[in-house]
Amino acid sequence: PPDDLSQVDHLAIGLYDSITNERLPA
């Protein structure tokens, strides 16, 4: 998003089940 990300120190990337919206094991 075009928000101010200057305070963001990390991004977490994962996959989700499209039906339950639960994060899948990685």
mmCIF file of all heavy atoms, coordinates in Angstrom:
data_MODEL
# 
_entry.id   MODEL 
# 
loop_
_atom_site.group_PDB 
_atom_site.id 
_atom_site.type_symbol 
_atom_site.label_atom_id 
_atom_site.label_alt_id 
_atom_site.label_comp_id 
_atom_site.label_asym_id 
_atom_site.label_entity_id 
_atom_site.label_seq_id 
_atom_site.pdbx_PDB_ins_code 
_atom_site.Cartn_x 
_atom_site.Cartn_y 
_atom_site.Cartn_z 
_atom_site.occupancy 
_atom_site.B_iso_or_equiv 
_atom_site.pdbx_formal_charge 
_atom_site.auth_seq_id 
_atom_site.auth_comp_id 
_atom_site.auth_asym_id 
_atom_site.auth_atom_id 
_atom_site.pdbx_PDB_model_num 
ATOM 1   N N   . PRO A 1 1  ? 0.843   -1.199  0.000  1.00 0.00 ? 1  PRO A N   1 
ATOM 2   C CA  . PRO A 1 1  ? 0.000   0.000   0.000  1.00 0.00 ? 1  PRO A CA  1 
ATOM 3   C C   . PRO A 1 1  ? 0.882   1.253   0.000  1.00 0.00 ? 1  PRO A C   1 
ATOM 4   O O   . PRO A 1 1  ? 2.025   1.210   0.452  1.00 0.00 ? 1  PRO A O   1 
ATOM 5   C CB  . PRO A 1 1  ? -0.794  -0.127  1.297  1.00 0.00 ? 1  PRO A CB  1 
ATOM 6   C CG  . PRO A 1 1  ? -0.016  -1.061  2.142  1.00 0.00 ? 1  PRO A CG  1 
ATOM 7   C CD  . PRO A 1 1  ? 0.715   -1.979  1.213  1.00 0.00 ? 1  PRO A CD  1 
ATOM 8   N N   . PRO A 1 2  ? 0.345   2.368   -0.490 1.00 0.00 ? 2  PRO A N   1 
ATOM 9   C CA  . PRO A 1 2  ? 1.139   3.598   -0.568 1.00 0.00 ? 2  PRO A CA  1 
ATOM 10  C C   . PRO A 1 2  ? 1.317   4.290   0.781  1.00 0.00 ? 2  PRO A C   1 
ATOM 11  O O   . PRO A 1 2  ? 1.726   5.437   0.838  1.00 0.00 ? 2  PRO A O   1 
ATOM 12  C CB  . PRO A 1 2  ? 0.333   4.465   -1.535 1.00 0.00 ? 2  PRO A CB  1 
ATOM 13  C CG  . PRO A 1 2  ? -1.066  4.004   -1.358 1.00 0.00 ? 2  PRO A CG  1 
ATOM 14  C CD  . PRO A 1 2  ? -0.967  2.524   -1.069 1.00 0.00 ? 2  PRO A CD  1 
ATOM 15  N N   . ASP A 1 3  ? 1.021   3.597   1.867  1.00 0.00 ? 3  ASP A N   1 
ATOM 16  C CA  . ASP A 1 3  ? 1.164   4.172   3.206  1.00 0.00 ? 3  ASP A CA  1 
ATOM 17  C C   . ASP A 1 3  ? 2.632   4.429   3.520  1.00 0.00 ? 3  ASP A C   1 
ATOM 18  O O   . ASP A 1 3  ? 3.532   3.928   2.857  1.00 0.00 ? 3  ASP A O   1 
ATOM 19  C CB  . ASP A 1 3  ? 0.608   3.210   4.269  1.00 0.00 ? 3  ASP A CB  1 
ATOM 20  C CG  . ASP A 1 3  ? -0.843  2.844   4.011  1.00 0.00 ? 3  ASP A CG  1 
ATOM 21  O OD1 . ASP A 1 3  ? -1.550  3.634   3.375  1.00 0.00 ? 3  ASP A OD1 1 
ATOM 22  O OD2 . ASP A 1 3  ? -1.261  1.755   4.426  1.00 0.00 ? 3  ASP A OD2 1 
ATOM 23  N N   . ASP A 1 4  ? 2.880   5.198   4.562  1.00 0.00 ? 4  ASP A N   1 
ATOM 24  C CA  . ASP A 1 4  ? 4.243   5.436   5.030  1.00 0.00 ? 4  ASP A CA  1 
ATOM 25  C C   . ASP A 1 4  ? 4.742   4.162   5.695  1.00 0.00 ? 4  ASP A C   1 
ATOM 26  O O   . ASP A 1 4  ? 4.251   3.766   6.745  1.00 0.00 ? 4  ASP A O   1 
ATOM 27  C CB  . ASP A 1 4  ? 4.250   6.595   6.027  1.00 0.00 ? 4  ASP A CB  1 
ATOM 28  C CG  . ASP A 1 4  ? 5.615   6.837   6.624  1.00 0.00 ? 4  ASP A CG  1 
ATOM 29  O OD1 . ASP A 1 4  ? 6.617   6.269   6.131  1.00 0.00 ? 4  ASP A OD1 1 
ATOM 30  O OD2 . ASP A 1 4  ? 5.689   7.607   7.598  1.00 0.00 ? 4  ASP A OD2 1 
ATOM 31  N N   . LEU A 1 5  ? 5.714   3.508   5.081  1.00 0.00 ? 5  LEU A N   1 
ATOM 32  C CA  . LEU A 1 5  ? 6.249   2.249   5.604  1.00 0.00 ? 5  LEU A CA  1 
ATOM 33  C C   . LEU A 1 5  ? 7.593   2.449   6.306  1.00 0.00 ? 5  LEU A C   1 
ATOM 34  O O   . LEU A 1 5  ? 8.305   1.482   6.562  1.00 0.00 ? 5  LEU A O   1 
ATOM 35  C CB  . LEU A 1 5  ? 6.396   1.235   4.468  1.00 0.00 ? 5  LEU A CB  1 
ATOM 36  C CG  . LEU A 1 5  ? 5.103   0.873   3.736  1.00 0.00 ? 5  LEU A CG  1 
ATOM 37  C CD1 . LEU A 1 5  ? 5.401   -0.049  2.561  1.00 0.00 ? 5  LEU A CD1 1 
ATOM 38  C CD2 . LEU A 1 5  ? 4.106   0.234   4.680  1.00 0.00 ? 5  LEU A CD2 1 
ATOM 39  N N   . SER A 1 6  ? 7.916   3.684   6.653  1.00 0.00 ? 6  SER A N   1 
ATOM 40  C CA  . SER A 1 6  ? 9.218   3.967   7.257  1.00 0.00 ? 6  SER A CA  1 
ATOM 41  C C   . SER A 1 6  ? 9.390   3.290   8.616  1.00 0.00 ? 6  SER A C   1 
ATOM 42  O O   . SER A 1 6  ? 10.524  3.082   9.049  1.00 0.00 ? 6  SER A O   1 
ATOM 43  C CB  . SER A 1 6  ? 9.432   5.475   7.387  1.00 0.00 ? 6  SER A CB  1 
ATOM 44  O OG  . SER A 1 6  ? 8.464   6.034   8.262  1.00 0.00 ? 6  SER A OG  1 
ATOM 45  N N   . GLN A 1 7  ? 8.325   2.939   9.268  1.00 0.00 ? 7  GLN A N   1 
ATOM 46  C CA  . GLN A 1 7  ? 8.406   2.294   10.576 1.00 0.00 ? 7  GLN A CA  1 
ATOM 47  C C   . GLN A 1 7  ? 8.347   0.770   10.496 1.00 0.00 ? 7  GLN A C   1 
ATOM 48  O O   . GLN A 1 7  ? 8.455   0.082   11.500 1.00 0.00 ? 7  GLN A O   1 
ATOM 49  C CB  . GLN A 1 7  ? 7.288   2.797   11.499 1.00 0.00 ? 7  GLN A CB  1 
ATOM 50  C CG  . GLN A 1 7  ? 7.319   4.294   11.730 1.00 0.00 ? 7  GLN A CG  1 
ATOM 51  C CD  . GLN A 1 7  ? 8.631   4.753   12.348 1.00 0.00 ? 7  GLN A CD  1 
ATOM 52  O OE1 . GLN A 1 7  ? 9.084   4.191   13.336 1.00 0.00 ? 7  GLN A OE1 1 
ATOM 53  N NE2 . GLN A 1 7  ? 9.247   5.754   11.756 1.00 0.00 ? 7  GLN A NE2 1 
ATOM 54  N N   . VAL A 1 8  ? 8.167   0.234   9.302  1.00 0.00 ? 8  VAL A N   1 
ATOM 55  C CA  . VAL A 1 8  ? 8.073   -1.215  9.121  1.00 0.00 ? 8  VAL A CA  1 
ATOM 56  C C   . VAL A 1 8  ? 9.486   -1.802  9.141  1.00 0.00 ? 8  VAL A C   1 
ATOM 57  O O   . VAL A 1 8  ? 10.362  -1.359  8.407  1.00 0.00 ? 8  VAL A O   1 
ATOM 58  C CB  . VAL A 1 8  ? 7.366   -1.557  7.788  1.00 0.00 ? 8  VAL A CB  1 
ATOM 59  C CG1 . VAL A 1 8  ? 7.386   -3.043  7.526  1.00 0.00 ? 8  VAL A CG1 1 
ATOM 60  C CG2 . VAL A 1 8  ? 5.937   -1.035  7.809  1.00 0.00 ? 8  VAL A CG2 1 
ATOM 61  N N   . ASP A 1 9  ? 9.708   -2.805  10.007 1.00 0.00 ? 9  ASP A N   1 
ATOM 62  C CA  . ASP A 1 9  ? 11.050  -3.394  10.083 1.00 0.00 ? 9  ASP A CA  1 
ATOM 63  C C   . ASP A 1 9  ? 11.129  -4.777  9.441  1.00 0.00 ? 9  ASP A C   1 
ATOM 64  O O   . ASP A 1 9  ? 12.210  -5.323  9.288  1.00 0.00 ? 9  ASP A O   1 
ATOM 65  C CB  . ASP A 1 9  ? 11.547  -3.447  11.519 1.00 0.00 ? 9  ASP A CB  1 
ATOM 66  C CG  . ASP A 1 9  ? 10.751  -4.405  12.390 1.00 0.00 ? 9  ASP A CG  1 
ATOM 67  O OD1 . ASP A 1 9  ? 9.668   -4.841  11.975 1.00 0.00 ? 9  ASP A OD1 1 
ATOM 68  O OD2 . ASP A 1 9  ? 11.219  -4.717  13.493 1.00 0.00 ? 9  ASP A OD2 1 
ATOM 69  N N   . HIS A 1 10 ? 9.968   -5.354  9.069  1.00 0.00 ? 10 HIS A N   1 
ATOM 70  C CA  . HIS A 1 10 ? 9.992   -6.654  8.403  1.00 0.00 ? 10 HIS A CA  1 
ATOM 71  C C   . HIS A 1 10 ? 8.666   -6.921  7.695  1.00 0.00 ? 10 HIS A C   1 
ATOM 72  O O   . HIS A 1 10 ? 7.659   -6.288  7.996  1.00 0.00 ? 10 HIS A O   1 
ATOM 73  C CB  . HIS A 1 10 ? 10.289  -7.781  9.394  1.00 0.00 ? 10 HIS A CB  1 
ATOM 74  C CG  . HIS A 1 10 ? 9.145   -8.096  10.301 1.00 0.00 ? 10 HIS A CG  1 
ATOM 75  N ND1 . HIS A 1 10 ? 8.859   -7.369  11.435 1.00 0.00 ? 10 HIS A ND1 1 
ATOM 76  C CD2 . HIS A 1 10 ? 8.199   -9.059  10.242 1.00 0.00 ? 10 HIS A CD2 1 
ATOM 77  C CE1 . HIS A 1 10 ? 7.802   -7.872  12.042 1.00 0.00 ? 10 HIS A CE1 1 
ATOM 78  N NE2 . HIS A 1 10 ? 7.365   -8.897  11.330 1.00 0.00 ? 10 HIS A NE2 1 
ATOM 79  N N   . LEU A 1 11 ? 8.717   -7.853  6.767  1.00 0.00 ? 11 LEU A N   1 
ATOM 80  C CA  . LEU A 1 11 ? 7.513   -8.370  6.117  1.00 0.00 ? 11 LEU A CA  1 
ATOM 81  C C   . LEU A 1 11 ? 7.469   -9.869  6.360  1.00 0.00 ? 11 LEU A C   1 
ATOM 82  O O   . LEU A 1 11 ? 8.501   -10.543 6.295  1.00 0.00 ? 11 LEU A O   1 
ATOM 83  C CB  . LEU A 1 11 ? 7.548   -8.118  4.609  1.00 0.00 ? 11 LEU A CB  1 
ATOM 84  C CG  . LEU A 1 11 ? 7.534   -6.673  4.146  1.00 0.00 ? 11 LEU A CG  1 
ATOM 85  C CD1 . LEU A 1 11 ? 7.727   -6.618  2.633  1.00 0.00 ? 11 LEU A CD1 1 
ATOM 86  C CD2 . LEU A 1 11 ? 6.239   -5.994  4.532  1.00 0.00 ? 11 LEU A CD2 1 
ATOM 87  N N   . ALA A 1 12 ? 6.309   -10.410 6.650  1.00 0.00 ? 12 ALA A N   1 
ATOM 88  C CA  . ALA A 1 12 ? 6.123   -11.850 6.821  1.00 0.00 ? 12 ALA A CA  1 
ATOM 89  C C   . ALA A 1 12 ? 5.259   -12.338 5.665  1.00 0.00 ? 12 ALA A C   1 
ATOM 90  O O   . ALA A 1 12 ? 4.179   -11.803 5.416  1.00 0.00 ? 12 ALA A O   1 
ATOM 91  C CB  . ALA A 1 12 ? 5.464   -12.160 8.152  1.00 0.00 ? 12 ALA A CB  1 
ATOM 92  N N   . ILE A 1 13 ? 5.757   -13.343 4.950  1.00 0.00 ? 13 ILE A N   1 
ATOM 93  C CA  . ILE A 1 13 ? 5.076   -13.828 3.761  1.00 0.00 ? 13 ILE A CA  1 
ATOM 94  C C   . ILE A 1 13 ? 4.675   -15.286 3.967  1.00 0.00 ? 13 ILE A C   1 
ATOM 95  O O   . ILE A 1 13 ? 5.500   -16.123 4.330  1.00 0.00 ? 13 ILE A O   1 
ATOM 96  C CB  . ILE A 1 13 ? 5.995   -13.709 2.531  1.00 0.00 ? 13 ILE A CB  1 
ATOM 97  C CG1 . ILE A 1 13 ? 6.401   -12.242 2.347  1.00 0.00 ? 13 ILE A CG1 1 
ATOM 98  C CG2 . ILE A 1 13 ? 5.308   -14.251 1.294  1.00 0.00 ? 13 ILE A CG2 1 
ATOM 99  C CD1 . ILE A 1 13 ? 7.515   -12.047 1.371  1.00 0.00 ? 13 ILE A CD1 1 
ATOM 100 N N   . GLY A 1 14 ? 3.398   -15.578 3.766  1.00 0.00 ? 14 GLY A N   1 
ATOM 101 C CA  . GLY A 1 14 ? 2.910   -16.938 3.915  1.00 0.00 ? 14 GLY A CA  1 
ATOM 102 C C   . GLY A 1 14 ? 1.777   -17.211 2.951  1.00 0.00 ? 14 GLY A C   1 
ATOM 103 O O   . GLY A 1 14 ? 1.286   -16.309 2.275  1.00 0.00 ? 14 GLY A O   1 
ATOM 104 N N   . LEU A 1 15 ? 1.376   -18.467 2.901  1.00 0.00 ? 15 LEU A N   1 
ATOM 105 C CA  . LEU A 1 15 ? 0.245   -18.869 2.063  1.00 0.00 ? 15 LEU A CA  1 
ATOM 106 C C   . LEU A 1 15 ? -0.942  -19.224 2.954  1.00 0.00 ? 15 LEU A C   1 
ATOM 107 O O   . LEU A 1 15 ? -0.758  -19.712 4.071  1.00 0.00 ? 15 LEU A O   1 
ATOM 108 C CB  . LEU A 1 15 ? 0.624   -20.075 1.201  1.00 0.00 ? 15 LEU A CB  1 
ATOM 109 C CG  . LEU A 1 15 ? 1.690   -19.836 0.148  1.00 0.00 ? 15 LEU A CG  1 
ATOM 110 C CD1 . LEU A 1 15 ? 2.068   -21.155 -0.522 1.00 0.00 ? 15 LEU A CD1 1 
ATOM 111 C CD2 . LEU A 1 15 ? 1.210   -18.835 -0.888 1.00 0.00 ? 15 LEU A CD2 1 
ATOM 112 N N   . TYR A 1 16 ? -2.130  -18.981 2.440  1.00 0.00 ? 16 TYR A N   1 
ATOM 113 C CA  . TYR A 1 16 ? -3.351  -19.226 3.196  1.00 0.00 ? 16 TYR A CA  1 
ATOM 114 C C   . TYR A 1 16 ? -4.286  -20.148 2.435  1.00 0.00 ? 16 TYR A C   1 
ATOM 115 O O   . TYR A 1 16 ? -4.330  -20.117 1.211  1.00 0.00 ? 16 TYR A O   1 
ATOM 116 C CB  . TYR A 1 16 ? -4.082  -17.898 3.473  1.00 0.00 ? 16 TYR A CB  1 
ATOM 117 C CG  . TYR A 1 16 ? -3.353  -17.009 4.438  1.00 0.00 ? 16 TYR A CG  1 
ATOM 118 C CD1 . TYR A 1 16 ? -2.318  -16.204 4.024  1.00 0.00 ? 16 TYR A CD1 1 
ATOM 119 C CD2 . TYR A 1 16 ? -3.698  -17.007 5.779  1.00 0.00 ? 16 TYR A CD2 1 
ATOM 120 C CE1 . TYR A 1 16 ? -1.630  -15.393 4.912  1.00 0.00 ? 16 TYR A CE1 1 
ATOM 121 C CE2 . TYR A 1 16 ? -3.028  -16.205 6.682  1.00 0.00 ? 16 TYR A CE2 1 
ATOM 122 C CZ  . TYR A 1 16 ? -1.997  -15.400 6.233  1.00 0.00 ? 16 TYR A CZ  1 
ATOM 123 O OH  . TYR A 1 16 ? -1.312  -14.607 7.126  1.00 0.00 ? 16 TYR A OH  1 
ATOM 124 N N   . ASP A 1 17 ? -5.063  -20.917 3.184  1.00 0.00 ? 17 ASP A N   1 
ATOM 125 C CA  . ASP A 1 17 ? -6.126  -21.725 2.604  1.00 0.00 ? 17 ASP A CA  1 
ATOM 126 C C   . ASP A 1 17 ? -7.234  -20.762 2.181  1.00 0.00 ? 17 ASP A C   1 
ATOM 127 O O   . ASP A 1 17 ? -7.722  -19.972 2.995  1.00 0.00 ? 17 ASP A O   1 
ATOM 128 C CB  . ASP A 1 17 ? -6.645  -22.723 3.645  1.00 0.00 ? 17 ASP A CB  1 
ATOM 129 C CG  . ASP A 1 17 ? -7.730  -23.626 3.099  1.00 0.00 ? 17 ASP A CG  1 
ATOM 130 O OD1 . ASP A 1 17 ? -8.776  -23.110 2.656  1.00 0.00 ? 17 ASP A OD1 1 
ATOM 131 O OD2 . ASP A 1 17 ? -7.535  -24.851 3.142  1.00 0.00 ? 17 ASP A OD2 1 
ATOM 132 N N   . SER A 1 18 ? -7.637  -20.796 0.916  1.00 0.00 ? 18 SER A N   1 
ATOM 133 C CA  . SER A 1 18 ? -8.622  -19.839 0.408  1.00 0.00 ? 18 SER A CA  1 
ATOM 134 C C   . SER A 1 18 ? -10.021 -20.045 0.987  1.00 0.00 ? 18 SER A C   1 
ATOM 135 O O   . SER A 1 18 ? -10.847 -19.141 0.931  1.00 0.00 ? 18 SER A O   1 
ATOM 136 C CB  . SER A 1 18 ? -8.683  -19.896 -1.121 1.00 0.00 ? 18 SER A CB  1 
ATOM 137 O OG  . SER A 1 18 ? -9.113  -21.170 -1.539 1.00 0.00 ? 18 SER A OG  1 
ATOM 138 N N   . ILE A 1 19 ? -10.280 -21.206 1.549  1.00 0.00 ? 19 ILE A N   1 
ATOM 139 C CA  . ILE A 1 19 ? -11.605 -21.475 2.120  1.00 0.00 ? 19 ILE A CA  1 
ATOM 140 C C   . ILE A 1 19 ? -11.657 -21.106 3.597  1.00 0.00 ? 19 ILE A C   1 
ATOM 141 O O   . ILE A 1 19 ? -12.572 -20.422 4.050  1.00 0.00 ? 19 ILE A O   1 
ATOM 142 C CB  . ILE A 1 19 ? -11.998 -22.947 1.906  1.00 0.00 ? 19 ILE A CB  1 
ATOM 143 C CG1 . ILE A 1 19 ? -12.126 -23.222 0.411  1.00 0.00 ? 19 ILE A CG1 1 
ATOM 144 C CG2 . ILE A 1 19 ? -13.298 -23.279 2.641  1.00 0.00 ? 19 ILE A CG2 1 
ATOM 145 C CD1 . ILE A 1 19 ? -12.299 -24.671 0.052  1.00 0.00 ? 19 ILE A CD1 1 
ATOM 146 N N   . THR A 1 20 ? -10.635 -21.526 4.359  1.00 0.00 ? 20 THR A N   1 
ATOM 147 C CA  . THR A 1 20 ? -10.655 -21.300 5.812  1.00 0.00 ? 20 THR A CA  1 
ATOM 148 C C   . THR A 1 20 ? -9.894  -20.043 6.231  1.00 0.00 ? 20 THR A C   1 
ATOM 149 O O   . THR A 1 20 ? -10.016 -19.608 7.373  1.00 0.00 ? 20 THR A O   1 
ATOM 150 C CB  . THR A 1 20 ? -10.020 -22.489 6.548  1.00 0.00 ? 20 THR A CB  1 
ATOM 151 O OG1 . THR A 1 20 ? -8.621  -22.556 6.203  1.00 0.00 ? 20 THR A OG1 1 
ATOM 152 C CG2 . THR A 1 20 ? -10.715 -23.792 6.188  1.00 0.00 ? 20 THR A CG2 1 
ATOM 153 N N   . ASN A 1 21 ? -9.093  -19.477 5.336  1.00 0.00 ? 21 ASN A N   1 
ATOM 154 C CA  . ASN A 1 21 ? -8.225  -18.340 5.631  1.00 0.00 ? 21 ASN A CA  1 
ATOM 155 C C   . ASN A 1 21 ? -7.171  -18.647 6.694  1.00 0.00 ? 21 ASN A C   1 
ATOM 156 O O   . ASN A 1 21 ? -6.611  -17.748 7.297  1.00 0.00 ? 21 ASN A O   1 
ATOM 157 C CB  . ASN A 1 21 ? -9.016  -17.097 6.033  1.00 0.00 ? 21 ASN A CB  1 
ATOM 158 C CG  . ASN A 1 21 ? -9.684  -16.459 4.836  1.00 0.00 ? 21 ASN A CG  1 
ATOM 159 O OD1 . ASN A 1 21 ? -9.153  -16.486 3.733  1.00 0.00 ? 21 ASN A OD1 1 
ATOM 160 N ND2 . ASN A 1 21 ? -10.859 -15.906 5.039  1.00 0.00 ? 21 ASN A ND2 1 
ATOM 161 N N   . GLU A 1 22 ? -6.910  -19.936 6.920  1.00 0.00 ? 22 GLU A N   1 
ATOM 162 C CA  . GLU A 1 22 ? -5.853  -20.330 7.854  1.00 0.00 ? 22 GLU A CA  1 
ATOM 163 C C   . GLU A 1 22 ? -4.527  -20.372 7.109  1.00 0.00 ? 22 GLU A C   1 
ATOM 164 O O   . GLU A 1 22 ? -4.465  -20.778 5.953  1.00 0.00 ? 22 GLU A O   1 
ATOM 165 C CB  . GLU A 1 22 ? -6.152  -21.705 8.446  1.00 0.00 ? 22 GLU A CB  1 
ATOM 166 C CG  . GLU A 1 22 ? -7.339  -21.705 9.381  1.00 0.00 ? 22 GLU A CG  1 
ATOM 167 C CD  . GLU A 1 22 ? -7.579  -23.086 9.987  1.00 0.00 ? 22 GLU A CD  1 
ATOM 168 O OE1 . GLU A 1 22 ? -6.606  -23.849 10.136 1.00 0.00 ? 22 GLU A OE1 1 
ATOM 169 O OE2 . GLU A 1 22 ? -8.742  -23.373 10.295 1.00 0.00 ? 22 GLU A OE2 1 
ATOM 170 N N   . ARG A 1 23 ? -3.458  -19.945 7.799  1.00 0.00 ? 23 ARG A N   1 
ATOM 171 C CA  . ARG A 1 23 ? -2.130  -19.977 7.189  1.00 0.00 ? 23 ARG A CA  1 
ATOM 172 C C   . ARG A 1 23 ? -1.688  -21.427 7.042  1.00 0.00 ? 23 ARG A C   1 
ATOM 173 O O   . ARG A 1 23 ? -1.864  -22.242 7.942  1.00 0.00 ? 23 ARG A O   1 
ATOM 174 C CB  . ARG A 1 23 ? -1.135  -19.199 8.030  1.00 0.00 ? 23 ARG A CB  1 
ATOM 175 C CG  . ARG A 1 23 ? 0.206   -19.080 7.307  1.00 0.00 ? 23 ARG A CG  1 
ATOM 176 C CD  . ARG A 1 23 ? 1.165   -18.175 7.988  1.00 0.00 ? 23 ARG A CD  1 
ATOM 177 N NE  . ARG A 1 23 ? 0.822   -16.796 7.703  1.00 0.00 ? 23 ARG A NE  1 
ATOM 178 C CZ  . ARG A 1 23 ? 1.467   -15.762 8.214  1.00 0.00 ? 23 ARG A CZ  1 
ATOM 179 N NH1 . ARG A 1 23 ? 2.464   -15.952 9.038  1.00 0.00 ? 23 ARG A NH1 1 
ATOM 180 N NH2 . ARG A 1 23 ? 1.122   -14.546 7.914  1.00 0.00 ? 23 ARG A NH2 1 
ATOM 181 N N   . LEU A 1 24 ? -1.114  -21.743 5.892  1.00 0.00 ? 24 LEU A N   1 
ATOM 182 C CA  . LEU A 1 24 ? -0.644  -23.095 5.621  1.00 0.00 ? 24 LEU A CA  1 
ATOM 183 C C   . LEU A 1 24 ? 0.747   -23.301 6.221  1.00 0.00 ? 24 LEU A C   1 
ATOM 184 O O   . LEU A 1 24 ? 1.507   -22.349 6.378  1.00 0.00 ? 24 LEU A O   1 
ATOM 185 C CB  . LEU A 1 24 ? -0.592  -23.334 4.110  1.00 0.00 ? 24 LEU A CB  1 
ATOM 186 C CG  . LEU A 1 24 ? -1.933  -23.251 3.389  1.00 0.00 ? 24 LEU A CG  1 
ATOM 187 C CD1 . LEU A 1 24 ? -1.722  -23.351 1.887  1.00 0.00 ? 24 LEU A CD1 1 
ATOM 188 C CD2 . LEU A 1 24 ? -2.872  -24.344 3.871  1.00 0.00 ? 24 LEU A CD2 1 
ATOM 189 N N   . PRO A 1 25 ? 1.099   -24.546 6.552  1.00 0.00 ? 25 PRO A N   1 
ATOM 190 C CA  . PRO A 1 25 ? 2.437   -24.816 7.071  1.00 0.00 ? 25 PRO A CA  1 
ATOM 191 C C   . PRO A 1 25 ? 3.511   -24.415 6.052  1.00 0.00 ? 25 PRO A C   1 
ATOM 192 O O   . PRO A 1 25 ? 3.329   -24.586 4.852  1.00 0.00 ? 25 PRO A O   1 
ATOM 193 C CB  . PRO A 1 25 ? 2.445   -26.331 7.283  1.00 0.00 ? 25 PRO A CB  1 
ATOM 194 C CG  . PRO A 1 25 ? 1.019   -26.752 7.287  1.00 0.00 ? 25 PRO A CG  1 
ATOM 195 C CD  . PRO A 1 25 ? 0.275   -25.748 6.459  1.00 0.00 ? 25 PRO A CD  1 
ATOM 196 N N   . ALA A 1 26 ? 4.617   -23.879 6.568  1.00 0.00 ? 26 ALA A N   1 
ATOM 197 C CA  . ALA A 1 26 ? 5.732   -23.488 5.702  1.00 0.00 ? 26 ALA A CA  1 
ATOM 198 C C   . ALA A 1 26 ? 7.024   -24.034 6.289  1.00 0.00 ? 26 ALA A C   1 
ATOM 199 O O   . ALA A 1 26 ? 7.214   -24.024 7.514  1.00 0.00 ? 26 ALA A O   1 
ATOM 200 C CB  . ALA A 1 26 ? 5.801   -21.974 5.581  1.00 0.00 ? 26 ALA A CB  1 
# 
